[in-house]
Amino acid sequence: MIEGFPLTPLQLYVFLYALEGKCKFDRDECKCGGPEFLYARKVLTSMEIAPEDQEKVLEICKDNGGHCDCEILMNVSKFLLGEESIGYSIWKNLFSVLEICKGNGGHCDCEILMNVSKFLLGEESIGYSIWKNLFI
C-alpha cells in the first residue's frame, strides 16, 4: 500500500469491485464516469469515505495514470494493489473470468448461472451435472 493512502486494503478491494460494476467496457459499449470520476465518487460516497479522503484517492489515481473511472481499473488497480500481491492476482483473475463470462453469454449474474456454467464446467462433466441438478 501507498504511504498515506486513505483506504484500508479491504476498502480498496470494495472500491475497485464496486467501480467495476458501474463501468462497462466491452465490444458493444463503453460506459465511464469520465474525468469527473462520477462513478468513483459515487462509490466512495456510498462507502462513507470523507470528501477530503476521496480527493486524496482520486489525486493518487490521477498521478498514476487513472484520469477517468475506467483508467482507475485498467491502469491504477495494478499499482494500488501491487503487481506481485495476492490481491492483484485475485483481482486480475476475477476480471479475466468476468470477461470470459461476458464473451460467452453471461451479461448478468443470472446469465452466468444459466449460460456460462455449462461452458465453464463442460456439458459432460460431473460438475455441470451436479450444478444443473441443484440449481437449474
Protein backbone atom coordinates (compact mmCIF):
# COMPACT_ATOMS: atom_id res chain seq x y z
CA MET A 1 0.00 0.00 0.00
CA ILE A 2 0.96 3.60 -0.53
CA GLU A 3 2.09 5.76 2.38
CA GLY A 4 -0.82 7.98 3.45
CA PHE A 5 -3.38 6.21 1.24
CA PRO A 6 -6.73 6.82 2.96
CA LEU A 7 -8.34 3.43 2.22
CA THR A 8 -7.68 0.19 4.06
CA PRO A 9 -6.87 -2.84 1.87
CA LEU A 10 -10.43 -4.12 2.33
CA GLN A 11 -11.90 -0.74 1.42
CA LEU A 12 -9.69 -0.67 -1.68
CA TYR A 13 -10.98 -4.07 -2.85
CA VAL A 14 -14.58 -2.99 -2.22
CA PHE A 15 -13.95 0.27 -4.09
CA LEU A 16 -12.45 -1.46 -7.14
CA TYR A 17 -15.13 -4.15 -7.21
CA ALA A 18 -17.96 -1.61 -6.96
CA LEU A 19 -16.35 0.64 -9.57
CA GLU A 20 -16.00 -2.29 -11.97
CA GLY A 21 -19.73 -2.87 -11.53
CA LYS A 22 -20.51 0.70 -12.62
CA CYS A 23 -18.06 0.94 -15.52
CA LYS A 24 -18.70 -1.08 -18.63
CA PHE A 25 -16.19 -1.66 -21.35
CA ASP A 26 -16.64 -4.42 -23.84
CA ARG A 27 -17.06 -4.88 -27.58
CA ASP A 28 -20.52 -3.33 -27.64
CA GLU A 29 -20.38 -0.48 -25.18
CA CYS A 30 -18.12 1.76 -23.14
CA LYS A 31 -19.58 3.36 -20.03
CA CYS A 32 -17.34 5.51 -17.86
CA GLY A 33 -17.89 8.39 -15.45
CA GLY A 34 -15.26 10.37 -17.32
CA PRO A 35 -12.57 12.68 -15.98
CA GLU A 36 -15.02 13.94 -13.34
CA PHE A 37 -14.87 10.44 -11.75
CA LEU A 38 -18.67 10.32 -11.44
CA TYR A 39 -18.75 6.60 -10.61
CA ALA A 40 -15.67 6.62 -8.38
CA ARG A 41 -17.13 9.49 -6.37
CA LYS A 42 -20.50 7.70 -6.05
CA VAL A 43 -18.79 4.53 -4.85
CA LEU A 44 -16.56 6.35 -2.35
CA THR A 45 -19.53 8.34 -1.06
CA SER A 46 -21.60 5.17 -0.65
CA MET A 47 -18.66 3.71 1.31
CA GLU A 48 -18.89 6.78 3.61
CA ILE A 49 -15.35 7.91 2.76
CA ALA A 50 -14.84 11.52 3.84
CA PRO A 51 -14.72 14.05 0.97
CA GLU A 52 -11.10 15.02 1.72
CA ASP A 53 -10.09 11.34 1.64
CA GLN A 54 -11.98 10.89 -1.62
CA GLU A 55 -9.91 13.69 -3.13
CA LYS A 56 -6.70 12.02 -1.89
CA VAL A 57 -7.72 8.72 -3.51
CA LEU A 58 -8.55 10.41 -6.81
CA GLU A 59 -5.35 12.50 -6.76
CA ILE A 60 -3.25 9.35 -6.27
CA CYS A 61 -5.18 7.70 -9.10
CA LYS A 62 -4.59 10.67 -11.43
CA ASP A 63 -0.89 10.74 -10.53
CA ASN A 64 -0.62 7.08 -11.58
CA GLY A 65 -2.49 7.01 -14.89
CA GLY A 66 -6.11 6.99 -13.77
CA HIS A 67 -7.65 10.02 -15.43
CA CYS A 68 -11.19 8.58 -15.52
CA ASP A 69 -13.14 5.78 -13.83
CA CYS A 70 -12.15 3.14 -16.39
CA GLU A 71 -8.47 4.09 -16.22
CA ILE A 72 -8.54 3.56 -12.46
CA LEU A 73 -9.48 -0.05 -13.17
CA MET A 74 -7.22 -0.56 -16.17
CA ASN A 75 -4.11 1.39 -15.11
CA VAL A 76 -4.13 2.12 -11.40
CA SER A 77 -5.52 -1.03 -9.77
CA LYS A 78 -2.25 -2.82 -10.51
CA PHE A 79 -0.28 0.00 -8.86
CA LEU A 80 -2.59 0.27 -5.82
CA LEU A 81 -2.76 -3.46 -5.14
CA GLY A 82 0.86 -4.17 -6.01
CA GLU A 83 1.63 -6.23 -9.10
CA GLU A 84 3.10 -9.07 -7.08
CA SER A 85 0.46 -9.07 -4.36
CA ILE A 86 -2.07 -11.84 -3.92
CA GLY A 87 -4.74 -9.15 -4.03
CA TYR A 88 -3.79 -8.02 -7.53
CA SER A 89 -3.56 -11.62 -8.70
CA ILE A 90 -7.06 -12.33 -7.40
CA TRP A 91 -8.40 -9.08 -8.92
CA LYS A 92 -6.79 -9.79 -12.29
CA ASN A 93 -8.08 -13.37 -12.35
CA LEU A 94 -11.59 -12.32 -11.30
CA PHE A 95 -11.62 -9.66 -14.02
CA SER A 96 -10.46 -12.24 -16.59
CA VAL A 97 -13.17 -14.68 -15.54
CA LEU A 98 -15.82 -11.96 -15.81
CA GLU A 99 -14.61 -11.08 -19.32
CA ILE A 100 -14.77 -14.78 -20.33
CA CYS A 101 -18.30 -14.96 -18.92
CA LYS A 102 -19.40 -11.84 -20.82
CA GLY A 103 -17.93 -13.26 -24.03
CA ASN A 104 -19.92 -16.48 -23.62
CA GLY A 105 -23.41 -15.19 -22.92
CA GLY A 106 -23.08 -14.12 -19.30
CA HIS A 107 -24.00 -10.45 -19.17
CA CYS A 108 -25.51 -10.61 -15.68
CA ASP A 109 -25.36 -12.95 -12.69
CA CYS A 110 -28.37 -14.97 -13.88
CA GLU A 111 -26.93 -15.45 -17.36
CA ILE A 112 -23.64 -16.61 -15.88
CA LEU A 113 -25.53 -19.24 -13.90
CA MET A 114 -27.73 -20.30 -16.79
CA ASN A 115 -25.45 -19.99 -19.84
CA VAL A 116 -21.81 -19.80 -18.85
CA SER A 117 -21.73 -22.53 -16.20
CA LYS A 118 -22.25 -25.11 -18.95
CA PHE A 119 -19.38 -23.60 -20.96
CA LEU A 120 -17.01 -23.27 -17.98
CA LEU A 121 -17.71 -26.67 -16.43
CA GLY A 122 -18.19 -28.62 -19.67
CA GLU A 123 -21.56 -30.07 -20.58
CA GLU A 124 -20.48 -33.66 -19.94
CA SER A 125 -18.60 -33.03 -16.68
CA ILE A 126 -19.78 -34.34 -13.33
CA GLY A 127 -19.51 -30.78 -12.01
CA TYR A 128 -22.01 -29.47 -14.55
CA SER A 129 -24.40 -32.39 -13.90
CA ILE A 130 -24.36 -31.65 -10.17
CA TRP A 131 -24.70 -27.92 -10.82
CA LYS A 132 -27.60 -28.47 -13.23
CA ASN A 133 -29.46 -30.78 -10.86
CA LEU A 134 -29.04 -28.47 -7.91
CA PHE A 135 -29.65 -25.08 -9.46
CA ILE A 136 -31.01 -25.16 -12.99
